[in-house]
Amino acid sequence: FDGVGGEWTLQDTVYNASTITLTS
């Protein structure tokens, strides 16, 4: 997740094999 001013809302469970990164 990398966007200055960005907003994301999950709609369901996120199953991720490796890495989730929140940069901005």
PDB file of all heavy atoms in Angstrom:
ATOM      1  N   PHE A   1       0.867  -1.169   0.000  1.00  0.00           N
ATOM      2  CA  PHE A   1       0.000   0.000   0.000  1.00  0.00           C
ATOM      3  C   PHE A   1       0.906   1.221   0.000  1.00  0.00           C
ATOM      4  O   PHE A   1       1.596   1.495   0.985  1.00  0.00           O
ATOM      5  CB  PHE A   1      -0.905   0.004   1.240  1.00  0.00           C
ATOM      6  CG  PHE A   1      -1.867  -1.154   1.292  1.00  0.00           C
ATOM      7  CD1 PHE A   1      -1.537  -2.324   1.953  1.00  0.00           C
ATOM      8  CD2 PHE A   1      -3.110  -1.065   0.676  1.00  0.00           C
ATOM      9  CE1 PHE A   1      -2.428  -3.394   2.004  1.00  0.00           C
ATOM     10  CE2 PHE A   1      -4.010  -2.123   0.720  1.00  0.00           C
ATOM     11  CZ  PHE A   1      -3.658  -3.291   1.388  1.00  0.00           C
ATOM     12  N   ASP A   2       0.926   1.965  -1.101  1.00  0.00           N
ATOM     13  CA  ASP A   2       1.918   3.024  -1.258  1.00  0.00           C
ATOM     14  C   ASP A   2       1.339   4.180  -2.068  1.00  0.00           C
ATOM     15  O   ASP A   2       1.619   4.333  -3.252  1.00  0.00           O
ATOM     16  CB  ASP A   2       3.169   2.465  -1.946  1.00  0.00           C
ATOM     17  CG  ASP A   2       4.267   3.508  -2.099  1.00  0.00           C
ATOM     18  OD1 ASP A   2       4.227   4.524  -1.383  1.00  0.00           O
ATOM     19  OD2 ASP A   2       5.167   3.309  -2.938  1.00  0.00           O
ATOM     20  N   GLY A   3       0.519   4.985  -1.429  1.00  0.00           N
ATOM     21  CA  GLY A   3      -0.026   6.160  -2.092  1.00  0.00           C
ATOM     22  C   GLY A   3      -0.286   7.259  -1.077  1.00  0.00           C
ATOM     23  O   GLY A   3      -1.108   7.099  -0.175  1.00  0.00           O
ATOM     24  N   VAL A   4       0.433   8.367  -1.193  1.00  0.00           N
ATOM     25  CA  VAL A   4       0.228   9.492  -0.277  1.00  0.00           C
ATOM     26  C   VAL A   4      -1.190  10.015  -0.458  1.00  0.00           C
ATOM     27  O   VAL A   4      -1.587  10.399  -1.557  1.00  0.00           O
ATOM     28  CB  VAL A   4       1.254  10.605  -0.536  1.00  0.00           C
ATOM     29  CG1 VAL A   4       0.964  11.816   0.342  1.00  0.00           C
ATOM     30  CG2 VAL A   4       2.664  10.099  -0.301  1.00  0.00           C
ATOM     31  N   GLY A   5      -1.982  10.003   0.602  1.00  0.00           N
ATOM     32  CA  GLY A   5      -3.376  10.417   0.519  1.00  0.00           C
ATOM     33  C   GLY A   5      -4.317   9.287   0.137  1.00  0.00           C
ATOM     34  O   GLY A   5      -5.531   9.475   0.098  1.00  0.00           O
ATOM     35  N   GLY A   6      -3.770   8.104  -0.138  1.00  0.00           N
ATOM     36  CA  GLY A   6      -4.606   6.971  -0.525  1.00  0.00           C
ATOM     37  C   GLY A   6      -5.290   6.323   0.667  1.00  0.00           C
ATOM     38  O   GLY A   6      -4.780   6.359   1.792  1.00  0.00           O
ATOM     39  N   GLU A   7      -6.455   5.759   0.432  1.00  0.00           N
ATOM     40  CA  GLU A   7      -7.185   5.010   1.447  1.00  0.00           C
ATOM     41  C   GLU A   7      -7.752   3.743   0.807  1.00  0.00           C
ATOM     42  O   GLU A   7      -8.352   3.803  -0.274  1.00  0.00           O
ATOM     43  CB  GLU A   7      -8.331   5.821   2.039  1.00  0.00           C
ATOM     44  CG  GLU A   7      -7.912   7.002   2.881  1.00  0.00           C
ATOM     45  CD  GLU A   7      -9.112   7.725   3.468  1.00  0.00           C
ATOM     46  OE1 GLU A   7     -10.262   7.307   3.207  1.00  0.00           O
ATOM     47  OE2 GLU A   7      -8.891   8.717   4.197  1.00  0.00           O
ATOM     48  N   TRP A   8      -7.564   2.610   1.474  1.00  0.00           N
ATOM     49  CA  TRP A   8      -8.066   1.328   0.981  1.00  0.00           C
ATOM     50  C   TRP A   8      -8.863   0.651   2.084  1.00  0.00           C
ATOM     51  O   TRP A   8      -8.417   0.571   3.233  1.00  0.00           O
ATOM     52  CB  TRP A   8      -6.917   0.416   0.561  1.00  0.00           C
ATOM     53  CG  TRP A   8      -6.052   0.974  -0.521  1.00  0.00           C
ATOM     54  CD1 TRP A   8      -6.191   0.815  -1.866  1.00  0.00           C
ATOM     55  CD2 TRP A   8      -4.891   1.803  -0.357  1.00  0.00           C
ATOM     56  NE1 TRP A   8      -5.203   1.473  -2.543  1.00  0.00           N
ATOM     57  CE2 TRP A   8      -4.391   2.095  -1.646  1.00  0.00           C
ATOM     58  CE3 TRP A   8      -4.226   2.326   0.758  1.00  0.00           C
ATOM     59  CZ2 TRP A   8      -3.258   2.875  -1.850  1.00  0.00           C
ATOM     60  CZ3 TRP A   8      -3.111   3.109   0.568  1.00  0.00           C
ATOM     61  CH2 TRP A   8      -2.631   3.372  -0.731  1.00  0.00           C
ATOM     62  N   THR A   9     -10.016   0.119   1.718  1.00  0.00           N
ATOM     63  CA  THR A   9     -10.844  -0.615   2.662  1.00  0.00           C
ATOM     64  C   THR A   9     -10.958  -2.063   2.204  1.00  0.00           C
ATOM     65  O   THR A   9     -11.353  -2.324   1.060  1.00  0.00           O
ATOM     66  CB  THR A   9     -12.252  -0.001   2.768  1.00  0.00           C
ATOM     67  OG1 THR A   9     -12.141   1.364   3.200  1.00  0.00           O
ATOM     68  CG2 THR A   9     -13.110  -0.771   3.765  1.00  0.00           C
ATOM     69  N   LEU A  10     -10.604  -2.996   3.075  1.00  0.00           N
ATOM     70  CA  LEU A  10     -10.698  -4.410   2.723  1.00  0.00           C
ATOM     71  C   LEU A  10     -12.158  -4.818   2.641  1.00  0.00           C
ATOM     72  O   LEU A  10     -12.990  -4.378   3.426  1.00  0.00           O
ATOM     73  CB  LEU A  10      -9.980  -5.270   3.759  1.00  0.00           C
ATOM     74  CG  LEU A  10      -8.496  -4.991   4.017  1.00  0.00           C
ATOM     75  CD1 LEU A  10      -7.911  -6.083   4.903  1.00  0.00           C
ATOM     76  CD2 LEU A  10      -7.709  -4.868   2.721  1.00  0.00           C
ATOM     77  N   GLN A  11     -12.452  -5.700   1.688  1.00  0.00           N
ATOM     78  CA  GLN A  11     -13.809  -6.197   1.508  1.00  0.00           C
ATOM     79  C   GLN A  11     -13.967  -7.629   2.015  1.00  0.00           C
ATOM     80  O   GLN A  11     -15.086  -8.130   2.110  1.00  0.00           O
ATOM     81  CB  GLN A  11     -14.191  -6.139   0.024  1.00  0.00           C
ATOM     82  CG  GLN A  11     -14.103  -4.748  -0.568  1.00  0.00           C
ATOM     83  CD  GLN A  11     -14.998  -3.750   0.151  1.00  0.00           C
ATOM     84  OE1 GLN A  11     -16.219  -3.883   0.117  1.00  0.00           O
ATOM     85  NE2 GLN A  11     -14.409  -2.753   0.796  1.00  0.00           N
ATOM     86  N   ASP A  12     -12.845  -8.290   2.304  1.00  0.00           N
ATOM     87  CA  ASP A  12     -12.883  -9.643   2.837  1.00  0.00           C
ATOM     88  C   ASP A  12     -11.508  -9.948   3.410  1.00  0.00           C
ATOM     89  O   ASP A  12     -10.597  -9.118   3.363  1.00  0.00           O
ATOM     90  CB  ASP A  12     -13.254 -10.669   1.751  1.00  0.00           C
ATOM     91  CG  ASP A  12     -12.324 -10.630   0.558  1.00  0.00           C
ATOM     92  OD1 ASP A  12     -11.288  -9.938   0.634  1.00  0.00           O
ATOM     93  OD2 ASP A  12     -12.614 -11.272  -0.460  1.00  0.00           O
ATOM     94  N   THR A  13     -11.357 -11.121   3.984  1.00  0.00           N
ATOM     95  CA  THR A  13     -10.072 -11.527   4.541  1.00  0.00           C
ATOM     96  C   THR A  13      -9.024 -11.609   3.438  1.00  0.00           C
ATOM     97  O   THR A  13      -9.272 -12.150   2.364  1.00  0.00           O
ATOM     98  CB  THR A  13     -10.196 -12.888   5.236  1.00  0.00           C
ATOM     99  OG1 THR A  13     -11.075 -12.752   6.357  1.00  0.00           O
ATOM    100  CG2 THR A  13      -8.844 -13.382   5.729  1.00  0.00           C
ATOM    101  N   VAL A  14      -7.846 -11.056   3.714  1.00  0.00           N
ATOM    102  CA  VAL A  14      -6.731 -11.095   2.770  1.00  0.00           C
ATOM    103  C   VAL A  14      -5.757 -12.177   3.213  1.00  0.00           C
ATOM    104  O   VAL A  14      -5.137 -12.083   4.268  1.00  0.00           O
ATOM    105  CB  VAL A  14      -6.022  -9.733   2.691  1.00  0.00           C
ATOM    106  CG1 VAL A  14      -4.755  -9.835   1.850  1.00  0.00           C
ATOM    107  CG2 VAL A  14      -6.952  -8.683   2.116  1.00  0.00           C
ATOM    108  N   TYR A  15      -5.660 -13.236   2.418  1.00  0.00           N
ATOM    109  CA  TYR A  15      -4.696 -14.301   2.644  1.00  0.00           C
ATOM    110  C   TYR A  15      -3.508 -14.035   1.714  1.00  0.00           C
ATOM    111  O   TYR A  15      -3.646 -14.094   0.497  1.00  0.00           O
ATOM    112  CB  TYR A  15      -5.294 -15.659   2.315  1.00  0.00           C
ATOM    113  CG  TYR A  15      -6.484 -16.053   3.156  1.00  0.00           C
ATOM    114  CD1 TYR A  15      -7.766 -15.722   2.759  1.00  0.00           C
ATOM    115  CD2 TYR A  15      -6.311 -16.774   4.339  1.00  0.00           C
ATOM    116  CE1 TYR A  15      -8.868 -16.095   3.521  1.00  0.00           C
ATOM    117  CE2 TYR A  15      -7.406 -17.143   5.107  1.00  0.00           C
ATOM    118  CZ  TYR A  15      -8.681 -16.811   4.692  1.00  0.00           C
ATOM    119  OH  TYR A  15      -9.758 -17.168   5.441  1.00  0.00           O
ATOM    120  N   ASN A  16      -2.354 -13.753   2.284  1.00  0.00           N
ATOM    121  CA  ASN A  16      -1.204 -13.337   1.489  1.00  0.00           C
ATOM    122  C   ASN A  16      -0.038 -14.276   1.731  1.00  0.00           C
ATOM    123  O   ASN A  16       0.307 -14.573   2.877  1.00  0.00           O
ATOM    124  CB  ASN A  16      -0.835 -11.898   1.861  1.00  0.00           C
ATOM    125  CG  ASN A  16       0.433 -11.431   1.197  1.00  0.00           C
ATOM    126  OD1 ASN A  16       1.456 -11.367   1.859  1.00  0.00           O
ATOM    127  ND2 ASN A  16       0.379 -11.115  -0.072  1.00  0.00           N
ATOM    128  N   ALA A  17       0.584 -14.744   0.656  1.00  0.00           N
ATOM    129  CA  ALA A  17       1.620 -15.758   0.787  1.00  0.00           C
ATOM    130  C   ALA A  17       2.912 -15.227   1.379  1.00  0.00           C
ATOM    131  O   ALA A  17       3.661 -15.971   2.001  1.00  0.00           O
ATOM    132  CB  ALA A  17       1.898 -16.375  -0.577  1.00  0.00           C
ATOM    133  N   SER A  18       3.206 -13.943   1.192  1.00  0.00           N
ATOM    134  CA  SER A  18       4.521 -13.459   1.607  1.00  0.00           C
ATOM    135  C   SER A  18       4.422 -12.215   2.477  1.00  0.00           C
ATOM    136  O   SER A  18       4.296 -12.321   3.688  1.00  0.00           O
ATOM    137  CB  SER A  18       5.383 -13.185   0.379  1.00  0.00           C
ATOM    138  OG  SER A  18       6.701 -12.883   0.777  1.00  0.00           O
ATOM    139  N   THR A  19       4.435 -11.018   1.862  1.00  0.00           N
ATOM    140  CA  THR A  19       4.591  -9.792   2.636  1.00  0.00           C
ATOM    141  C   THR A  19       3.530  -8.764   2.284  1.00  0.00           C
ATOM    142  O   THR A  19       3.254  -8.520   1.112  1.00  0.00           O
ATOM    143  CB  THR A  19       5.990  -9.177   2.388  1.00  0.00           C
ATOM    144  OG1 THR A  19       6.996 -10.137   2.716  1.00  0.00           O
ATOM    145  CG2 THR A  19       6.196  -7.934   3.237  1.00  0.00           C
ATOM    146  N   ILE A  20       2.979  -8.137   3.313  1.00  0.00           N
ATOM    147  CA  ILE A  20       2.141  -6.956   3.149  1.00  0.00           C
ATOM    148  C   ILE A  20       2.910  -5.778   3.729  1.00  0.00           C
ATOM    149  O   ILE A  20       3.402  -5.849   4.864  1.00  0.00           O
ATOM    150  CB  ILE A  20       0.790  -7.100   3.868  1.00  0.00           C
ATOM    151  CG1 ILE A  20      -0.025  -8.248   3.258  1.00  0.00           C
ATOM    152  CG2 ILE A  20      -0.003  -5.805   3.806  1.00  0.00           C
ATOM    153  CD1 ILE A  20      -1.311  -8.544   4.000  1.00  0.00           C
ATOM    154  N   THR A  21       3.034  -4.704   2.942  1.00  0.00           N
ATOM    155  CA  THR A  21       3.777  -3.527   3.387  1.00  0.00           C
ATOM    156  C   THR A  21       2.890  -2.292   3.262  1.00  0.00           C
ATOM    157  O   THR A  21       2.286  -2.076   2.208  1.00  0.00           O
ATOM    158  CB  THR A  21       5.046  -3.317   2.541  1.00  0.00           C
ATOM    159  OG1 THR A  21       5.866  -4.482   2.617  1.00  0.00           O
ATOM    160  CG2 THR A  21       5.847  -2.124   3.053  1.00  0.00           C
ATOM    161  N   LEU A  22       2.826  -1.503   4.326  1.00  0.00           N
ATOM    162  CA  LEU A  22       2.136  -0.216   4.286  1.00  0.00           C
ATOM    163  C   LEU A  22       3.199   0.867   4.337  1.00  0.00           C
ATOM    164  O   LEU A  22       3.860   1.067   5.356  1.00  0.00           O
ATOM    165  CB  LEU A  22       1.159  -0.086   5.460  1.00  0.00           C
ATOM    166  CG  LEU A  22       0.487   1.280   5.649  1.00  0.00           C
ATOM    167  CD1 LEU A  22      -0.254   1.707   4.391  1.00  0.00           C
ATOM    168  CD2 LEU A  22      -0.458   1.255   6.852  1.00  0.00           C
ATOM    169  N   THR A  23       3.384   1.541   3.187  1.00  0.00           N
ATOM    170  CA  THR A  23       4.410   2.579   3.065  1.00  0.00           C
ATOM    171  C   THR A  23       3.828   3.965   3.260  1.00  0.00           C
ATOM    172  O   THR A  23       4.444   4.834   3.883  1.00  0.00           O
ATOM    173  CB  THR A  23       5.089   2.484   1.683  1.00  0.00           C
ATOM    174  OG1 THR A  23       5.655   1.188   1.538  1.00  0.00           O
ATOM    175  CG2 THR A  23       6.183   3.525   1.541  1.00  0.00           C
ATOM    176  N   SER A  24       2.629   4.190   2.710  1.00  0.00           N
ATOM    177  CA  SER A  24       1.944   5.470   2.889  1.00  0.00           C
ATOM    178  C   SER A  24       0.465   5.279   2.620  1.00  0.00           C
ATOM    179  O   SER A  24       0.066   4.398   1.852  1.00  0.00           O
ATOM    180  CB  SER A  24       2.531   6.553   1.970  1.00  0.00           C
ATOM    181  OG  SER A  24       2.518   6.129   0.622  1.00  0.00           O
TER     182      SER A  24
END
